[in-house]
């Protein structure tokens, strides 16, 4: 289920890459909802479906696109095409 008022951020505790991207998203004012893949089987299954069977995080769902371990610039680019109304204004 994809929401139109935020992007979905799939993570797990102890993931340094997740913490780094989360910090960048917050600093850029990107609206997101966190999903802990170790607490929800459906979220874990989704991540595995887009990460070649792996639990690779961070994984983001932006509209109909999924990005595995993306950079902030990749996130913003996907937002421009998928959810342009959510792109932070400078």
N, C-alpha and C. Protein backbone atom coordinates (compact mmCIF):
# COMPACT_ATOMS: atom_id res chain seq x y z
N UNK A 1 0.84 -1.17 0.00
CA UNK A 1 0.00 0.00 0.00
C UNK A 1 0.90 1.24 0.00
N UNK A 2 0.74 2.09 -0.96
CA UNK A 2 1.56 3.27 -1.10
C UNK A 2 0.76 4.50 -0.71
N UNK A 3 1.29 5.28 0.17
CA UNK A 3 0.62 6.49 0.60
C UNK A 3 1.07 7.66 -0.27
N UNK A 4 0.20 8.60 -0.43
CA UNK A 4 0.55 9.77 -1.23
C UNK A 4 0.99 10.95 -0.37
N UNK A 5 1.06 10.80 0.96
CA UNK A 5 1.50 11.91 1.79
C UNK A 5 2.89 11.69 2.40
N UNK A 6 3.53 10.59 2.00
CA UNK A 6 4.90 10.31 2.45
C UNK A 6 5.48 9.20 1.58
N UNK A 7 6.78 8.99 1.75
CA UNK A 7 7.40 7.82 1.13
C UNK A 7 7.62 6.80 2.24
N UNK A 8 7.78 5.55 1.87
CA UNK A 8 7.97 4.48 2.84
C UNK A 8 9.45 4.14 2.96
N UNK A 9 9.92 4.12 4.19
CA UNK A 9 11.33 3.90 4.52
C UNK A 9 11.43 2.60 5.31
N UNK A 10 11.98 1.57 4.69
CA UNK A 10 12.12 0.26 5.32
C UNK A 10 13.52 0.16 5.92
N UNK A 11 13.61 -0.22 7.20
CA UNK A 11 14.86 -0.20 7.94
C UNK A 11 14.88 -1.36 8.93
N UNK A 12 16.01 -1.48 9.64
CA UNK A 12 16.12 -2.42 10.75
C UNK A 12 17.05 -1.81 11.79
N UNK A 13 16.86 -2.15 13.06
CA UNK A 13 17.72 -1.61 14.12
C UNK A 13 19.19 -1.98 13.88
N UNK A 14 20.06 -1.04 14.22
CA UNK A 14 21.49 -1.27 14.10
C UNK A 14 22.07 -1.02 12.73
N UNK A 15 21.26 -0.59 11.78
CA UNK A 15 21.73 -0.36 10.42
C UNK A 15 22.28 1.05 10.29
N UNK A 16 23.59 1.16 10.17
CA UNK A 16 24.22 2.47 10.03
C UNK A 16 23.82 3.19 8.75
N UNK A 17 23.64 2.43 7.66
CA UNK A 17 23.21 3.03 6.40
C UNK A 17 21.81 3.64 6.55
N UNK A 18 20.95 2.95 7.31
CA UNK A 18 19.60 3.45 7.55
C UNK A 18 19.63 4.75 8.34
N UNK A 19 20.44 4.78 9.41
CA UNK A 19 20.53 5.98 10.23
C UNK A 19 21.07 7.16 9.43
N UNK A 20 22.04 6.90 8.57
CA UNK A 20 22.63 7.96 7.75
C UNK A 20 21.60 8.52 6.77
N UNK A 21 20.89 7.64 6.07
CA UNK A 21 19.90 8.11 5.10
C UNK A 21 18.74 8.79 5.82
N UNK A 22 18.33 8.27 6.96
CA UNK A 22 17.24 8.89 7.71
C UNK A 22 17.61 10.33 8.08
N UNK A 23 18.82 10.54 8.53
CA UNK A 23 19.30 11.87 8.89
C UNK A 23 19.26 12.80 7.67
N UNK A 24 19.72 12.28 6.53
CA UNK A 24 19.71 13.10 5.31
C UNK A 24 18.29 13.45 4.87
N UNK A 25 17.38 12.49 4.96
CA UNK A 25 15.99 12.74 4.59
C UNK A 25 15.37 13.80 5.50
N UNK A 26 15.62 13.68 6.80
CA UNK A 26 15.08 14.67 7.74
C UNK A 26 15.64 16.06 7.44
N UNK A 27 16.95 16.13 7.21
CA UNK A 27 17.58 17.43 6.91
C UNK A 27 17.04 18.04 5.64
N UNK A 28 16.61 17.21 4.69
CA UNK A 28 16.06 17.68 3.42
C UNK A 28 14.54 17.89 3.49
N UNK A 29 13.94 17.64 4.67
CA UNK A 29 12.49 17.79 4.88
C UNK A 29 11.66 16.85 4.01
N UNK A 30 12.16 15.65 3.79
CA UNK A 30 11.43 14.64 3.02
C UNK A 30 10.46 13.93 3.97
N UNK A 31 9.17 13.90 3.64
CA UNK A 31 8.21 13.21 4.50
C UNK A 31 8.29 11.69 4.29
N UNK A 32 8.52 10.96 5.37
CA UNK A 32 8.61 9.51 5.24
C UNK A 32 8.03 8.82 6.47
N UNK A 33 7.65 7.58 6.26
CA UNK A 33 7.15 6.73 7.34
C UNK A 33 8.09 5.54 7.44
N UNK A 34 8.56 5.27 8.65
CA UNK A 34 9.50 4.16 8.87
C UNK A 34 8.77 2.84 9.08
N UNK A 35 9.35 1.77 8.53
CA UNK A 35 8.83 0.42 8.68
C UNK A 35 9.99 -0.49 9.08
N UNK A 36 9.94 -1.01 10.29
CA UNK A 36 10.97 -1.90 10.80
C UNK A 36 10.73 -3.31 10.24
N UNK A 37 11.61 -3.78 9.39
CA UNK A 37 11.40 -5.09 8.74
C UNK A 37 11.55 -6.25 9.72
N UNK A 38 12.11 -6.02 10.89
CA UNK A 38 12.23 -7.09 11.88
C UNK A 38 10.99 -7.19 12.76
N UNK A 39 10.08 -6.24 12.63
CA UNK A 39 8.85 -6.26 13.41
C UNK A 39 7.63 -6.61 12.59
N UNK A 40 7.75 -6.59 11.26
CA UNK A 40 6.59 -6.81 10.42
C UNK A 40 6.96 -7.70 9.24
N UNK A 41 6.38 -8.87 9.20
CA UNK A 41 6.68 -9.85 8.15
C UNK A 41 6.33 -9.32 6.76
N UNK A 42 5.24 -8.59 6.66
CA UNK A 42 4.83 -8.05 5.36
C UNK A 42 5.88 -7.06 4.84
N UNK A 43 6.41 -6.24 5.72
CA UNK A 43 7.45 -5.30 5.32
C UNK A 43 8.73 -6.03 4.92
N UNK A 44 9.08 -7.05 5.68
CA UNK A 44 10.28 -7.85 5.36
C UNK A 44 10.11 -8.53 4.01
N UNK A 45 8.94 -9.07 3.75
CA UNK A 45 8.67 -9.73 2.48
C UNK A 45 8.75 -8.75 1.32
N UNK A 46 8.23 -7.54 1.52
CA UNK A 46 8.32 -6.53 0.47
C UNK A 46 9.78 -6.22 0.14
N UNK A 47 10.60 -5.98 1.17
CA UNK A 47 12.01 -5.66 0.93
C UNK A 47 12.68 -6.80 0.17
N UNK A 48 12.44 -8.02 0.59
CA UNK A 48 13.06 -9.17 -0.10
C UNK A 48 12.60 -9.24 -1.57
N UNK A 49 11.37 -8.81 -1.84
CA UNK A 49 10.85 -8.88 -3.20
C UNK A 49 11.53 -7.89 -4.14
N UNK A 50 12.07 -6.80 -3.60
CA UNK A 50 12.73 -5.80 -4.45
C UNK A 50 14.25 -5.81 -4.30
N UNK A 51 14.76 -6.61 -3.36
CA UNK A 51 16.21 -6.66 -3.10
C UNK A 51 16.77 -8.05 -3.39
N UNK A 52 16.25 -8.69 -4.42
CA UNK A 52 16.76 -9.98 -4.89
C UNK A 52 16.81 -11.03 -3.78
N UNK A 53 15.75 -11.07 -2.95
CA UNK A 53 15.64 -12.07 -1.90
C UNK A 53 16.38 -11.73 -0.62
N UNK A 54 17.02 -10.57 -0.59
CA UNK A 54 17.78 -10.15 0.59
C UNK A 54 17.00 -9.15 1.42
N UNK A 55 17.40 -9.01 2.67
CA UNK A 55 16.80 -8.02 3.57
C UNK A 55 17.64 -6.75 3.57
N UNK A 56 17.96 -6.25 2.40
CA UNK A 56 18.83 -5.09 2.27
C UNK A 56 18.06 -3.81 2.60
N UNK A 57 18.58 -3.09 3.58
CA UNK A 57 18.00 -1.82 3.97
C UNK A 57 19.12 -0.78 4.06
N UNK A 58 18.79 0.47 3.88
CA UNK A 58 17.45 0.99 3.71
C UNK A 58 16.90 0.71 2.31
N UNK A 59 15.63 0.44 2.27
CA UNK A 59 14.89 0.32 1.02
C UNK A 59 13.74 1.32 1.11
N UNK A 60 13.51 2.05 0.05
CA UNK A 60 12.43 3.04 0.04
C UNK A 60 11.45 2.72 -1.07
N UNK A 61 10.17 2.96 -0.76
CA UNK A 61 9.11 2.86 -1.77
C UNK A 61 8.62 4.28 -1.99
N UNK A 62 8.74 4.72 -3.24
CA UNK A 62 8.36 6.08 -3.61
C UNK A 62 7.38 5.96 -4.75
N UNK A 63 6.11 6.12 -4.45
CA UNK A 63 5.09 5.88 -5.47
C UNK A 63 5.17 4.45 -5.93
N UNK A 64 5.39 4.22 -7.22
CA UNK A 64 5.48 2.85 -7.74
C UNK A 64 6.92 2.37 -7.85
N UNK A 65 7.89 3.21 -7.46
CA UNK A 65 9.31 2.84 -7.54
C UNK A 65 9.83 2.37 -6.19
N UNK A 66 10.77 1.45 -6.25
CA UNK A 66 11.47 0.98 -5.05
C UNK A 66 12.95 1.19 -5.26
N UNK A 67 13.62 1.70 -4.23
CA UNK A 67 15.05 1.96 -4.29
C UNK A 67 15.73 1.24 -3.13
N UNK A 68 16.76 0.48 -3.44
CA UNK A 68 17.50 -0.26 -2.43
C UNK A 68 18.80 0.48 -2.14
N UNK A 69 18.99 0.86 -0.87
CA UNK A 69 20.17 1.58 -0.41
C UNK A 69 20.49 2.79 -1.30
N UNK A 70 19.51 3.68 -1.47
CA UNK A 70 19.71 4.82 -2.38
C UNK A 70 20.45 5.97 -1.71
N UNK A 71 20.95 6.86 -2.54
CA UNK A 71 21.50 8.13 -2.06
C UNK A 71 20.34 9.12 -1.95
N UNK A 72 20.58 10.22 -1.26
CA UNK A 72 19.56 11.26 -1.16
C UNK A 72 19.20 11.79 -2.55
N UNK A 73 20.18 11.96 -3.42
CA UNK A 73 19.87 12.48 -4.76
C UNK A 73 19.00 11.49 -5.55
N UNK A 74 19.22 10.20 -5.39
CA UNK A 74 18.36 9.21 -6.05
C UNK A 74 16.94 9.28 -5.51
N UNK A 75 16.81 9.48 -4.21
CA UNK A 75 15.48 9.61 -3.60
C UNK A 75 14.76 10.83 -4.16
N UNK A 76 15.43 11.96 -4.18
CA UNK A 76 14.81 13.19 -4.68
C UNK A 76 14.44 13.08 -6.15
N UNK A 77 15.28 12.43 -6.94
CA UNK A 77 14.98 12.24 -8.36
C UNK A 77 13.73 11.38 -8.54
N UNK A 78 13.64 10.29 -7.78
CA UNK A 78 12.46 9.41 -7.87
C UNK A 78 11.21 10.16 -7.41
N UNK A 79 11.36 10.99 -6.40
CA UNK A 79 10.21 11.77 -5.92
C UNK A 79 9.70 12.72 -7.00
N UNK A 80 10.60 13.31 -7.77
CA UNK A 80 10.19 14.24 -8.83
C UNK A 80 9.28 13.57 -9.85
N UNK A 81 9.56 12.30 -10.17
CA UNK A 81 8.74 11.62 -11.16
C UNK A 81 7.52 10.91 -10.56
N UNK A 82 7.63 10.45 -9.33
CA UNK A 82 6.56 9.64 -8.73
C UNK A 82 5.61 10.42 -7.83
N UNK A 83 6.15 11.30 -7.02
CA UNK A 83 5.33 12.06 -6.06
C UNK A 83 5.82 13.51 -6.02
N UNK A 84 5.70 14.22 -7.13
CA UNK A 84 6.27 15.57 -7.21
C UNK A 84 5.72 16.52 -6.14
N UNK A 85 4.53 16.29 -5.69
CA UNK A 85 3.95 17.16 -4.65
C UNK A 85 4.64 17.01 -3.30
N UNK A 86 5.44 15.96 -3.14
CA UNK A 86 6.16 15.74 -1.88
C UNK A 86 7.60 16.26 -1.91
N UNK A 87 8.08 16.68 -3.08
CA UNK A 87 9.45 17.16 -3.19
C UNK A 87 9.58 18.42 -2.34
N UNK A 88 10.55 18.42 -1.42
CA UNK A 88 10.71 19.61 -0.56
C UNK A 88 11.04 20.85 -1.37
N UNK A 89 10.48 21.94 -0.97
CA UNK A 89 10.77 23.23 -1.62
C UNK A 89 11.98 23.83 -0.93
N UNK A 90 12.86 24.42 -1.72
CA UNK A 90 14.07 25.00 -1.16
C UNK A 90 13.86 26.37 -0.62
